[in-house]
Protein backbone atom coordinates (compact mmCIF):
# COMPACT_ATOMS: atom_id res chain seq x y z
CA MET A 1 -28.28 7.19 -17.80
CA ARG A 2 -27.73 3.48 -17.23
CA PRO A 3 -26.49 1.63 -20.35
CA ARG A 4 -29.15 -0.60 -21.90
CA TRP A 5 -26.90 -3.62 -21.85
CA LEU A 6 -27.11 -3.61 -18.06
CA ASP A 7 -30.88 -4.11 -18.33
CA SER A 8 -30.40 -7.27 -20.33
CA PRO A 9 -32.50 -10.34 -19.38
CA ARG A 10 -29.15 -12.10 -19.31
CA VAL A 11 -28.33 -10.22 -16.12
CA LEU A 12 -31.49 -11.48 -14.43
CA PHE A 13 -30.81 -15.00 -15.62
CA ALA A 14 -27.21 -14.76 -14.46
CA LEU A 15 -28.34 -13.87 -10.95
CA SER A 16 -29.83 -17.32 -10.50
CA ALA A 17 -26.79 -19.04 -11.97
CA LEU A 18 -23.98 -17.04 -10.38
CA LEU A 19 -23.76 -18.94 -7.12
CA ALA A 20 -23.45 -22.18 -9.06
CA LEU A 21 -20.65 -20.62 -11.06
CA VAL A 22 -18.99 -19.44 -7.87
CA ALA A 23 -19.13 -22.95 -6.47
CA LEU A 24 -17.21 -24.09 -9.53
CA ALA A 25 -14.80 -21.16 -9.51
CA SER A 26 -12.70 -22.62 -6.73
CA GLN A 27 -12.05 -25.51 -9.11
CA PHE A 28 -10.80 -23.09 -11.79
CA ARG A 29 -7.61 -24.25 -13.43
CA LEU A 30 -5.82 -22.83 -16.41
CA ASP A 31 -6.11 -25.60 -18.98
CA LEU A 32 -2.45 -26.21 -19.75
CA PRO A 33 -2.92 -28.66 -22.65
CA SER A 34 -5.24 -26.26 -24.48
CA ARG A 35 -3.11 -23.17 -23.91
CA GLU A 36 0.13 -22.13 -25.53
CA VAL A 37 3.21 -22.27 -23.30
CA GLU A 38 5.78 -19.68 -24.28
CA PRO A 39 9.13 -18.52 -22.93
CA ALA A 40 9.23 -15.14 -21.21
CA SER A 41 10.99 -13.70 -24.25
CA ALA A 42 7.63 -13.98 -26.06
CA LEU A 43 6.49 -11.05 -23.93
CA LEU A 44 8.44 -8.82 -26.29
CA GLU A 45 6.26 -9.99 -29.17
CA LEU A 46 3.08 -8.64 -27.53
CA ARG A 47 4.02 -5.21 -28.87
CA GLU A 48 3.39 -6.45 -32.39
CA ARG A 49 -0.10 -7.76 -31.73
CA ASP A 50 -3.21 -5.76 -32.57
CA ASP A 51 -5.77 -8.07 -30.96
CA LEU A 52 -4.97 -7.82 -27.25
CA ASN A 53 -7.48 -6.95 -24.53
CA VAL A 54 -6.66 -5.83 -20.99
CA VAL A 55 -8.57 -6.94 -17.89
CA PHE A 56 -7.38 -4.89 -14.93
CA LEU A 57 -8.64 -6.08 -11.53
CA VAL A 58 -8.11 -4.01 -8.39
CA VAL A 59 -9.03 -5.84 -5.18
CA ASP A 60 -9.40 -3.05 -2.66
CA THR A 61 -7.63 -3.50 0.70
CA LEU A 62 -5.83 -6.72 -0.30
CA ARG A 63 -2.52 -7.25 1.48
CA ALA A 64 -0.06 -9.51 -0.31
CA ASP A 65 0.80 -11.84 2.53
CA ARG A 66 -2.78 -13.15 2.78
CA LEU A 67 -2.47 -14.89 -0.61
CA GLY A 68 -1.11 -18.40 -1.07
CA ALA A 69 1.14 -17.21 -3.90
CA TYR A 70 2.88 -14.97 -1.36
CA GLY A 71 3.32 -17.73 1.21
CA TYR A 72 0.05 -17.72 3.15
CA GLU A 73 -0.90 -21.16 4.47
CA ARG A 74 -4.68 -20.78 4.27
CA PRO A 75 -6.40 -21.53 0.94
CA THR A 76 -7.70 -18.00 0.51
CA SER A 77 -6.74 -17.52 -3.12
CA THR A 78 -6.66 -20.65 -5.25
CA VAL A 79 -7.57 -18.75 -8.42
CA LEU A 80 -5.02 -15.96 -7.96
CA ASP A 81 -2.41 -18.55 -7.01
CA GLU A 82 -3.07 -20.29 -10.31
CA LEU A 83 -2.51 -17.03 -12.19
CA ALA A 84 0.78 -16.53 -10.38
CA ARG A 85 1.84 -20.09 -11.08
CA TYR A 86 1.66 -19.55 -14.84
CA GLY A 87 2.19 -15.79 -14.96
CA ILE A 88 4.33 -13.07 -13.42
CA LEU A 89 4.36 -12.29 -9.70
CA PHE A 90 6.13 -9.32 -8.13
CA GLU A 91 7.19 -10.34 -4.64
CA ASP A 92 7.70 -6.93 -3.01
CA VAL A 93 5.26 -4.26 -4.18
CA VAL A 94 4.83 -0.99 -2.29
CA ALA A 95 1.58 0.98 -2.67
CA GLN A 96 2.01 4.76 -2.69
CA SER A 97 -0.44 5.30 0.17
CA SER A 98 -2.58 3.38 2.64
CA TRP A 99 -5.61 5.42 1.56
CA THR A 100 -7.46 4.64 -1.67
CA LYS A 101 -7.70 8.00 -3.41
CA THR A 102 -4.03 8.97 -3.06
CA SER A 103 -2.93 5.43 -3.90
CA MET A 104 -5.14 5.13 -6.99
CA ALA A 105 -4.05 8.56 -8.25
CA SER A 106 -0.48 7.27 -8.15
CA LEU A 107 -1.38 3.95 -9.75
CA TRP A 108 -3.26 5.51 -12.68
CA THR A 109 -0.85 8.38 -13.41
CA GLY A 110 2.42 6.63 -12.56
CA THR A 111 3.38 9.60 -10.38
CA LEU A 112 4.22 9.83 -6.69
CA PRO A 113 1.84 11.56 -4.25
CA MET A 114 4.11 14.57 -3.74
CA ARG A 115 3.84 15.28 -7.48
CA HIS A 116 0.20 14.52 -8.26
CA GLY A 117 -0.94 16.20 -5.05
CA VAL A 118 -4.20 14.27 -4.60
CA LEU A 119 -3.88 14.03 -0.84
CA ARG A 120 -7.18 15.10 0.73
CA TYR A 121 -10.81 14.03 0.64
CA ASP A 122 -11.88 16.76 -1.83
CA HIS A 123 -8.87 16.75 -4.19
CA VAL A 124 -9.50 15.99 -7.86
CA LEU A 125 -7.18 14.82 -10.63
CA PRO A 126 -7.27 17.59 -13.25
CA ASP A 127 -8.37 16.99 -16.81
CA GLU A 128 -4.81 17.58 -17.95
CA ALA A 129 -3.64 14.41 -16.22
CA ARG A 130 -2.86 11.70 -18.77
CA MET A 131 -4.53 8.39 -17.89
CA PRO A 132 -4.00 4.82 -19.20
CA ALA A 133 -7.62 4.54 -20.33
CA GLU A 134 -7.05 7.50 -22.65
CA ILE A 135 -4.04 5.80 -24.21
CA LEU A 136 -5.88 2.51 -24.61
CA ARG A 137 -8.95 4.17 -26.12
CA GLU A 138 -6.74 5.99 -28.62
CA ALA A 139 -5.28 2.57 -29.51
CA GLY A 140 -8.76 1.39 -30.48
CA LEU A 141 -9.94 -0.42 -27.33
CA ARG A 142 -13.43 -0.02 -25.91
CA THR A 143 -12.83 1.16 -22.33
CA ILE A 144 -15.12 0.36 -19.41
CA GLY A 145 -14.64 0.85 -15.68
CA LEU A 146 -16.89 -0.73 -13.03
CA TRP A 147 -16.25 0.35 -9.45
CA ARG A 148 -17.82 0.26 -5.99
CA ASN A 149 -15.46 2.52 -4.01
CA GLY A 150 -16.62 6.12 -3.79
CA TRP A 151 -13.06 7.42 -3.64
CA VAL A 152 -12.63 6.61 -7.34
CA GLU A 153 -15.87 8.25 -8.46
CA PRO A 154 -15.91 10.26 -11.71
CA ASN A 155 -16.13 13.55 -9.82
CA PHE A 156 -12.61 12.90 -8.49
CA GLY A 157 -11.19 12.70 -12.02
CA PHE A 158 -10.82 8.93 -12.36
CA ALA A 159 -13.21 8.49 -15.30
CA GLN A 160 -10.86 10.07 -17.85
CA GLY A 161 -10.52 7.93 -20.96
CA PHE A 162 -13.38 5.53 -20.20
CA ASP A 163 -16.24 5.10 -22.65
CA LEU A 164 -18.31 3.95 -19.70
CA TYR A 165 -17.37 4.43 -16.05
CA MET A 166 -19.99 3.52 -13.47
CA ARG A 167 -20.97 1.83 -10.25
CA PRO A 168 -22.76 -1.43 -11.12
CA VAL A 169 -26.48 -1.66 -10.57
CA VAL A 170 -27.38 -3.32 -7.29
CA GLY A 171 -29.31 -6.50 -8.05
CA ALA A 172 -31.54 -8.65 -5.92
CA GLU A 173 -29.25 -9.94 -3.22
CA ARG A 174 -29.70 -13.69 -3.43
CA MET A 175 -26.74 -14.57 -1.26
CA ARG A 176 -26.43 -14.24 2.47
CA VAL A 177 -23.59 -11.84 3.06
CA HIS A 178 -21.71 -11.70 6.33
CA ARG A 179 -20.96 -8.20 7.53
CA GLU A 180 -19.41 -7.10 10.77
CA ALA A 181 -21.69 -5.12 13.10
CA ARG A 182 -21.44 -1.45 12.18
CA THR A 183 -22.92 1.83 13.28
CA VAL A 184 -22.82 3.04 9.69
CA THR A 185 -24.78 1.61 6.76
CA PRO A 186 -22.67 -0.61 4.50
CA ILE A 187 -22.38 0.32 0.86
CA ALA A 188 -25.11 -1.16 -1.28
CA GLY A 189 -24.63 -4.42 -3.10
CA THR A 190 -21.66 -6.75 -3.27
CA ASP A 191 -19.01 -7.73 -5.78
CA GLU A 192 -21.56 -10.15 -7.16
CA ASP A 193 -23.09 -7.12 -8.89
CA LEU A 194 -19.70 -6.16 -10.27
CA THR A 195 -19.17 -9.64 -11.66
CA LEU A 196 -22.61 -9.82 -13.26
CA ALA A 197 -22.07 -6.50 -15.01
CA ALA A 198 -18.68 -7.66 -16.27
CA LEU A 199 -20.10 -10.95 -17.56
CA ASP A 200 -22.82 -9.15 -19.44
CA PHE A 201 -20.28 -6.76 -20.95
CA LEU A 202 -18.23 -9.71 -22.20
CA GLU A 203 -21.32 -11.30 -23.73
CA ARG A 204 -22.12 -8.15 -25.68
CA PHE A 205 -18.71 -6.68 -26.53
CA GLY A 206 -16.23 -9.52 -26.11
CA ARG A 207 -15.69 -9.72 -29.87
CA GLU A 208 -14.28 -6.17 -29.85
CA ARG A 209 -10.95 -5.14 -28.36
CA PHE A 210 -11.57 -3.91 -24.83
CA PHE A 211 -10.05 -2.61 -21.63
CA LEU A 212 -12.11 -3.78 -18.64
CA TYR A 213 -11.33 -2.32 -15.20
CA LEU A 214 -13.08 -3.84 -12.16
CA HIS A 215 -12.64 -2.42 -8.66
CA TYR A 216 -13.72 -5.05 -6.11
CA MET A 217 -14.83 -3.92 -2.63
CA ASP A 218 -15.99 -6.96 -0.65
CA VAL A 219 -12.54 -7.49 0.90
CA HIS A 220 -12.62 -3.90 2.14
CA GLN A 221 -16.11 -4.49 3.52
CA TYR A 222 -15.38 -7.99 4.91
CA ALA A 223 -18.33 -9.36 2.93
CA TYR A 224 -18.76 -12.94 1.78
CA ASP A 225 -21.31 -15.68 1.25
CA GLU A 226 -21.85 -17.35 4.62
CA ARG A 227 -22.80 -20.62 2.94
CA ALA A 228 -19.25 -20.92 1.61
CA ALA A 229 -17.46 -19.98 4.85
CA ILE A 230 -14.45 -22.18 5.55
CA PHE A 231 -12.57 -20.18 8.20
CA GLY A 232 -13.35 -19.03 11.74
CA THR A 233 -15.30 -16.10 13.14
CA SER A 234 -12.64 -13.66 14.26
CA TYR A 235 -12.03 -10.29 12.63
CA SER A 236 -9.01 -11.67 10.78
CA ASP A 237 -10.95 -14.78 9.74
CA ALA A 238 -13.66 -12.61 8.21
CA TYR A 239 -11.03 -10.79 6.17
CA ASP A 240 -9.60 -14.08 4.90
CA GLN A 241 -13.07 -15.33 4.07
CA SER A 242 -13.82 -12.24 2.01
CA ILE A 243 -10.59 -12.79 0.05
CA HIS A 244 -11.70 -16.35 -0.63
CA TRP A 245 -15.08 -15.08 -1.85
CA VAL A 246 -13.64 -12.44 -4.20
CA ASP A 247 -11.04 -14.91 -5.45
CA ARG A 248 -13.86 -17.19 -6.59
CA LEU A 249 -15.71 -14.31 -8.24
CA ILE A 250 -12.53 -13.60 -10.19
CA GLY A 251 -12.54 -17.29 -11.09
CA VAL A 252 -16.04 -16.88 -12.54
CA LEU A 253 -14.80 -14.00 -14.71
CA LEU A 254 -11.73 -15.91 -15.90
CA ALA A 255 -13.75 -19.04 -16.62
CA ARG A 256 -16.07 -16.98 -18.82
CA LEU A 257 -13.10 -15.43 -20.62
CA GLU A 258 -11.86 -18.96 -21.24
CA GLU A 259 -15.27 -20.12 -22.51
CA LEU A 260 -15.42 -17.18 -24.92
CA ASP A 261 -11.89 -17.99 -26.11
CA LEU A 262 -10.66 -14.59 -24.93
CA LEU A 263 -7.89 -15.52 -22.49
CA SER A 264 -5.53 -16.27 -25.36
CA ARG A 265 -5.71 -12.63 -26.39
CA THR A 266 -6.12 -10.94 -23.02
CA LEU A 267 -3.62 -9.53 -20.54
CA VAL A 268 -5.00 -10.08 -17.01
CA VAL A 269 -3.63 -7.94 -14.17
CA ILE A 270 -4.27 -8.18 -10.41
CA ALA A 271 -3.40 -5.22 -8.17
CA SER A 272 -4.51 -3.51 -4.97
CA ASP A 273 -4.55 0.01 -3.60
CA HIS A 274 -3.35 -0.82 -0.07
CA GLY A 275 -3.35 -3.51 2.60
CA GLU A 276 -4.97 -3.91 6.00
CA ALA A 277 -3.62 -3.90 9.56
CA PHE A 278 -4.40 -6.47 12.25
CA LEU A 279 -2.74 -5.03 15.37
CA GLU A 280 0.81 -5.52 14.04
CA HIS A 281 1.53 -2.00 15.29
CA GLY A 282 -1.43 -1.62 17.63
CA TYR A 283 -4.00 -0.58 15.02
CA GLU A 284 -6.59 -2.17 12.78
CA GLY A 285 -7.73 -1.06 9.36
CA HIS A 286 -5.82 1.29 7.06
CA ALA A 287 -5.35 4.98 6.14
CA ARG A 288 -3.60 5.59 9.47
CA ASN A 289 0.09 4.83 8.91
CA LEU A 290 2.55 3.48 6.35
CA TYR A 291 3.82 0.21 7.81
CA ASP A 292 4.34 -2.88 5.70
CA GLU A 293 0.95 -4.42 6.48
CA VAL A 294 -0.91 -1.50 4.87
CA THR A 295 1.46 -0.74 1.98
CA ARG A 296 2.65 -4.16 0.73
CA VAL A 297 0.25 -5.31 -1.98
CA PRO A 298 0.09 -7.98 -4.70
CA TRP A 299 0.82 -7.49 -8.37
CA ILE A 300 0.22 -10.46 -10.66
CA VAL A 301 0.18 -10.48 -14.46
CA LEU A 302 -1.11 -13.31 -16.64
CA PRO A 303 -0.07 -12.83 -20.28
CA PRO A 304 -2.20 -14.25 -23.12
CA PHE A 305 -0.14 -17.44 -22.93
CA LEU A 306 1.26 -19.54 -20.10
CA LEU A 307 4.70 -19.25 -18.59
CA ASP A 308 5.83 -22.60 -17.22
CA PRO A 309 7.30 -22.06 -14.73
CA GLY A 310 5.93 -18.67 -13.84
CA VAL A 311 8.22 -15.71 -13.22
CA ARG A 312 8.81 -14.22 -9.78
CA VAL A 313 10.43 -10.77 -9.61
CA GLU A 314 12.19 -10.28 -6.28
CA ARG A 315 13.23 -6.64 -6.46
CA THR A 316 11.19 -3.96 -4.68
CA VAL A 317 8.78 -2.26 -7.07
CA ALA A 318 5.86 0.14 -6.68
CA ASN A 319 2.30 0.62 -7.84
CA VAL A 320 3.52 3.55 -9.96
CA ASP A 321 5.39 0.93 -12.02
CA ILE A 322 2.26 -0.98 -13.01
CA TRP A 323 1.07 1.06 -15.99
CA PRO A 324 4.55 1.95 -17.29
CA THR A 325 5.13 -1.82 -17.42
CA LEU A 326 1.79 -2.69 -19.04
CA LEU A 327 2.06 0.04 -21.66
CA ASP A 328 5.59 -1.13 -22.44
CA LEU A 329 4.33 -4.71 -22.85
CA LEU A 330 1.61 -3.51 -25.22
CA GLY A 331 3.94 -1.24 -27.21
CA LEU A 332 1.79 1.82 -26.46
CA PRO A 333 2.89 5.39 -25.62
CA ALA A 334 4.19 5.88 -22.10
CA LEU A 335 2.59 8.00 -19.41
CA PRO A 336 4.19 11.47 -19.58
CA ASP A 337 6.99 12.23 -17.13
CA ALA A 338 6.04 9.30 -14.89
CA ASP A 339 7.93 8.35 -11.74
CA GLY A 340 7.14 4.70 -12.36
CA ARG A 341 9.39 2.53 -14.48
CA SER A 342 8.70 -0.36 -16.78
CA GLN A 343 9.66 -3.59 -15.03
CA LEU A 344 9.90 -5.56 -18.26
CA PRO A 345 13.74 -5.77 -17.98
CA ALA A 346 13.36 -7.14 -14.43
CA ILE A 347 10.79 -9.70 -15.65
CA LEU A 348 13.08 -10.96 -18.40
CA ALA A 349 16.07 -11.07 -16.05
CA ALA A 350 14.11 -13.06 -13.45
CA ALA A 351 12.89 -15.49 -16.13
CA GLU A 352 16.47 -16.13 -17.19
CA GLY A 353 17.63 -16.62 -13.62
CA ARG A 354 19.95 -13.64 -13.63
CA SER A 355 20.08 -10.56 -11.45
CA GLU A 356 19.08 -7.38 -13.20
CA VAL A 357 21.89 -4.83 -13.21
CA ALA A 358 20.23 -1.72 -11.89
CA GLU A 359 21.03 1.01 -9.42
CA PRO A 360 19.32 0.80 -6.02
CA ARG A 361 16.01 2.57 -6.20
CA SER A 362 13.93 4.39 -3.62
CA VAL A 363 10.21 3.69 -3.39
CA PHE A 364 7.95 6.17 -1.61
CA ALA A 365 4.57 6.17 0.10
CA GLN A 366 2.66 9.10 1.58
CA LEU A 367 -0.39 9.77 3.74
CA GLU A 368 -1.69 13.24 4.45
CA ARG A 369 -2.83 13.45 8.05
CA GLY A 370 -6.27 14.97 8.24
CA TRP A 371 -7.15 13.92 4.69
CA GLY A 372 -10.82 13.55 5.66
CA ARG A 373 -11.19 16.66 7.83
CA PRO A 374 -12.10 19.90 6.01
CA ARG A 375 -10.78 22.15 8.79
CA ALA A 376 -7.58 20.24 9.41
CA GLU A 377 -4.69 22.36 8.13
CA ASN A 378 -0.91 22.36 8.36
CA LEU A 379 -0.74 18.86 9.79
CA PRO A 380 2.38 16.74 9.29
CA THR A 381 2.44 14.41 6.31
CA LEU A 382 3.54 10.82 6.85
CA VAL A 383 6.11 9.66 4.31
CA SER A 384 8.08 6.44 3.94
CA VAL A 385 11.05 5.63 1.76
CA THR A 386 12.07 2.05 1.03
CA ARG A 387 15.49 1.34 -0.45
CA ASP A 388 17.86 -1.61 -0.52
CA GLY A 389 16.02 -3.52 2.21
CA LYS A 390 15.59 -0.54 4.55
CA ARG A 391 12.51 1.53 5.32
CA LEU A 392 12.42 4.96 6.93
CA ILE A 393 9.06 6.35 8.10
CA THR A 394 8.77 9.95 9.22
CA ALA A 395 6.33 12.83 9.52
CA LEU A 396 7.32 15.87 7.49
CA GLY A 397 7.08 19.05 9.50
CA ALA A 398 6.77 17.26 12.84
CA SER A 399 9.10 16.79 15.77
CA ARG A 400 8.27 13.13 16.27
CA PRO A 401 11.26 10.84 15.69
CA ALA A 402 11.59 8.90 12.48
CA GLU A 403 11.40 5.10 12.45
CA LEU A 404 13.92 2.88 10.68
CA TYR A 405 13.49 -0.81 9.86
CA ASP A 406 15.62 -3.53 8.32
CA ARG A 407 12.98 -5.25 6.19
CA ARG A 408 15.22 -8.20 5.30
CA ARG A 409 15.89 -9.14 8.91
CA ASP A 410 12.66 -7.73 10.34
CA PRO A 411 9.92 -7.90 7.65
CA ALA A 412 7.18 -7.21 10.22
CA GLU A 413 8.89 -3.91 11.10
CA GLN A 414 8.89 -4.40 14.86
CA ASP A 415 12.49 -3.42 15.71
CA ASP A 416 12.98 0.34 15.26
CA LEU A 417 16.67 0.99 14.57
CA ALA A 418 16.50 4.77 14.17
CA ALA A 419 17.95 5.61 17.59
CA ARG A 420 20.60 2.87 17.49
CA ASP A 421 21.82 3.39 13.92
CA PRO A 422 21.36 7.06 12.95
CA ASP A 423 24.12 6.84 10.32
CA TRP A 424 22.27 3.99 8.62
CA ALA A 425 19.28 6.29 8.16
CA ALA A 426 21.25 9.23 6.74
CA PRO A 427 21.03 8.23 3.03
CA LEU A 428 17.29 7.62 3.36
CA ARG A 429 16.82 11.04 4.94
CA GLU A 430 18.55 12.59 1.94
CA GLU A 431 16.19 10.69 -0.35
CA LEU A 432 13.21 12.03 1.58
CA GLU A 433 14.44 15.60 1.26
CA ALA A 434 14.74 15.17 -2.51
CA TYR A 435 11.26 13.65 -2.60
CA ARG A 436 9.85 16.51 -0.58
CA ALA A 437 11.20 19.01 -3.10
CA ALA A 438 9.73 17.21 -6.14
CA THR A 439 6.34 18.90 -6.31
CA GLU A 440 5.93 19.71 -10.03
CA SER A 441 3.32 17.52 -11.72
CA PRO A 442 3.67 16.32 -15.33
CA TRP A 443 0.55 18.27 -16.28
CA GLY A 444 1.74 21.48 -14.62
CA ARG A 445 -1.38 22.07 -12.59
CA ALA A 446 -2.13 21.44 -8.94
CA PRO A 447 -5.25 19.39 -8.12
CA HIS A 448 -8.34 21.43 -7.43
CA ALA A 449 -10.95 20.70 -4.79
CA VAL A 450 -14.53 19.64 -5.40
CA GLU A 451 -17.46 20.25 -3.07
CA LEU A 452 -19.09 16.98 -2.05
CA ASP A 453 -22.83 16.83 -1.58
CA GLU A 454 -24.34 14.95 1.34
CA LEU A 455 -25.23 11.95 -0.84
CA ARG A 456 -21.59 11.40 -1.78
CA LEU A 457 -20.40 12.06 1.76
CA ASN A 458 -22.81 9.44 3.07
CA HIS A 459 -21.51 6.90 0.55
CA LEU A 460 -17.94 7.57 1.69
CA ARG A 461 -19.00 7.25 5.31
CA ALA A 462 -20.60 3.92 4.46
CA LEU A 463 -17.17 2.71 3.39
CA GLY A 464 -16.12 3.13 7.02
CA TYR A 465 -14.39 6.51 6.73
CA ALA A 466 -14.99 9.49 8.97
CA VAL A 467 -15.39 12.47 6.65
CA ARG A 468 -16.59 15.22 8.93
CA PRO A 469 -15.83 18.85 9.73
CA ASP A 470 -14.56 18.43 13.30
CA PRO A 471 -10.92 19.37 13.93
CA LEU A 472 -8.36 16.58 13.99
CA PRO A 473 -6.80 15.87 17.39
CA GLU A 474 -3.04 15.65 17.60
CA THR A 475 -2.71 11.89 17.82
CA ASP A 476 -0.11 9.90 15.97
CA GLU A 477 -2.30 7.92 13.63
CA ALA A 478 -5.55 9.87 13.24
CA ALA A 479 -4.93 10.33 9.56
CA GLY A 480 -8.31 11.17 8.26
CA SER A 481 -9.48 8.75 9.42
CA GLU A 482 -11.06 5.40 8.96
CA ASP A 483 -14.07 5.33 11.24
CA PRO A 484 -13.38 3.05 14.23
CA SER A 485 -17.08 2.19 14.36
CA SER A 486 -16.70 0.36 11.07
CA ARG A 487 -14.12 -1.99 12.49
CA GLN A 488 -16.05 -3.72 15.27
CA PRO A 489 -15.33 -7.44 15.64
CA ALA A 490 -18.04 -10.05 15.42
CA PRO A 491 -19.55 -10.45 18.90
CA GLU A 492 -19.12 -14.22 18.77
CA SER A 493 -15.44 -14.00 17.90
CA PRO A 494 -13.61 -16.35 20.30
CA ASN A 495 -10.16 -15.91 18.80
CA ARG A 496 -9.62 -12.26 19.58
CA SER A 497 -7.21 -11.54 22.40
CA ARG A 498 -8.89 -9.75 25.31
CA SER A 499 -5.69 -7.84 25.94
CA ALA A 500 -5.48 -6.48 22.40
CA PRO A 501 -6.45 -2.86 21.73
CA SER A 502 -10.02 -2.43 20.59
CA PRO A 503 -10.63 -1.98 16.85
CA GLY A 504 -9.82 1.55 15.79
CA SER A 505 -8.00 2.12 19.05
CA THR A 506 -5.22 4.68 19.11
CA SER A 507 -3.21 2.62 21.55
CA THR A 508 0.46 2.43 20.62
CA THR A 509 0.91 -0.95 22.28
CA ARG A 510 2.26 -3.42 19.76
CA SER A 511 0.82 -6.84 19.48
CA PRO A 512 3.17 -9.71 20.27
């Protein structure tokens, strides 16, 4: 049953005012004179507070290098850049998969894919899995999750610990939304609906302690308000434009938090499940491989005060580190037997301008080939290990050669060193073997499978994923896969190279 607060007249009124708010959101600035500026050491004092809220924002399919805070030249993210300027930014964050469900299972449980085992389209996190929302609810916070991606639906186990966990109601669409031509029906609504639901929640429950999780999807869907378009018409331009649109929606949310005097007692977190490819290795989209463009994601934290200057953590971290870090900041119990580590020591070290003394650490990502094909069995699993500036990518159980990259010298991962420097790869191979053997989950139970009805399957297909019973052909990147028909460029796109592989192509030709 839909909560009554979503039927509020305020929602209908907000529909007519939201675009005006969005127009102002690009002007959003953290009001420095009215906010407390504290040293990073004040982060340790958050553990003693009993009034803190958490706003956790996941922007689906957001790659880090398309944000100004990470060096992008286009003004795609003025709001997020402002958060990074006065908050904490992690420069090198590796997602644990390039597919949403596996990646989000890692993010929420703090465990690596080999251990949580949620690798295929019908896998479910068991009830025994300990989730951050459960810990926060036990600490007295009202917990609400609003999502638009079917891979994090309640039937997959992601609702654990939430008082309310739902897809927002689709309102009257008063904005003109640009969508690429598709042969599948796009998912209903836009992130405007998500924002309206969040605003109404704040109006009604903002005086209580709360944990608010929003999962934005317009970047994944390349959706935006055409009236606010500032970039070109190519496939990549549309992606940038959708980032700009969602960035301004986040600005609306933050501006309302500021108006309600909630930012001074709220921890705001920006994260993503995976990135997006634009022919860097001959492919477009995601959920096909584990290269940097689909696994390097942003992680930005704004504490309830300003850091001036903000803190930038250079070391390689992972999405499994997010909740161990946040729970440590809040002084709450840790996730049980997590692979992730609190990065609070690294934050404090970076703020003081010193290098953290820590052993080199390996960060893993994984993608089960055939994750979306019910009859696909015994297919190799793609795994990557990143350590000390190197990345090894291989397929477990396959004869295909591994790939090795020097990320410091070659961040785009175009120069495969595996054949030239086999000794350099040896330590990483040992790490992969240890990872492969680590299959015991903290909750001691393997994920079970759930049968999906046609309604849910159609929603997942609308996301642009092929979830169908046909066998998976033996091609290198047909992972599940993302439906190539959902990645057609705009017909009028003049900036797309005619010699480039077509969207969704399985060509192995690398773009220049």
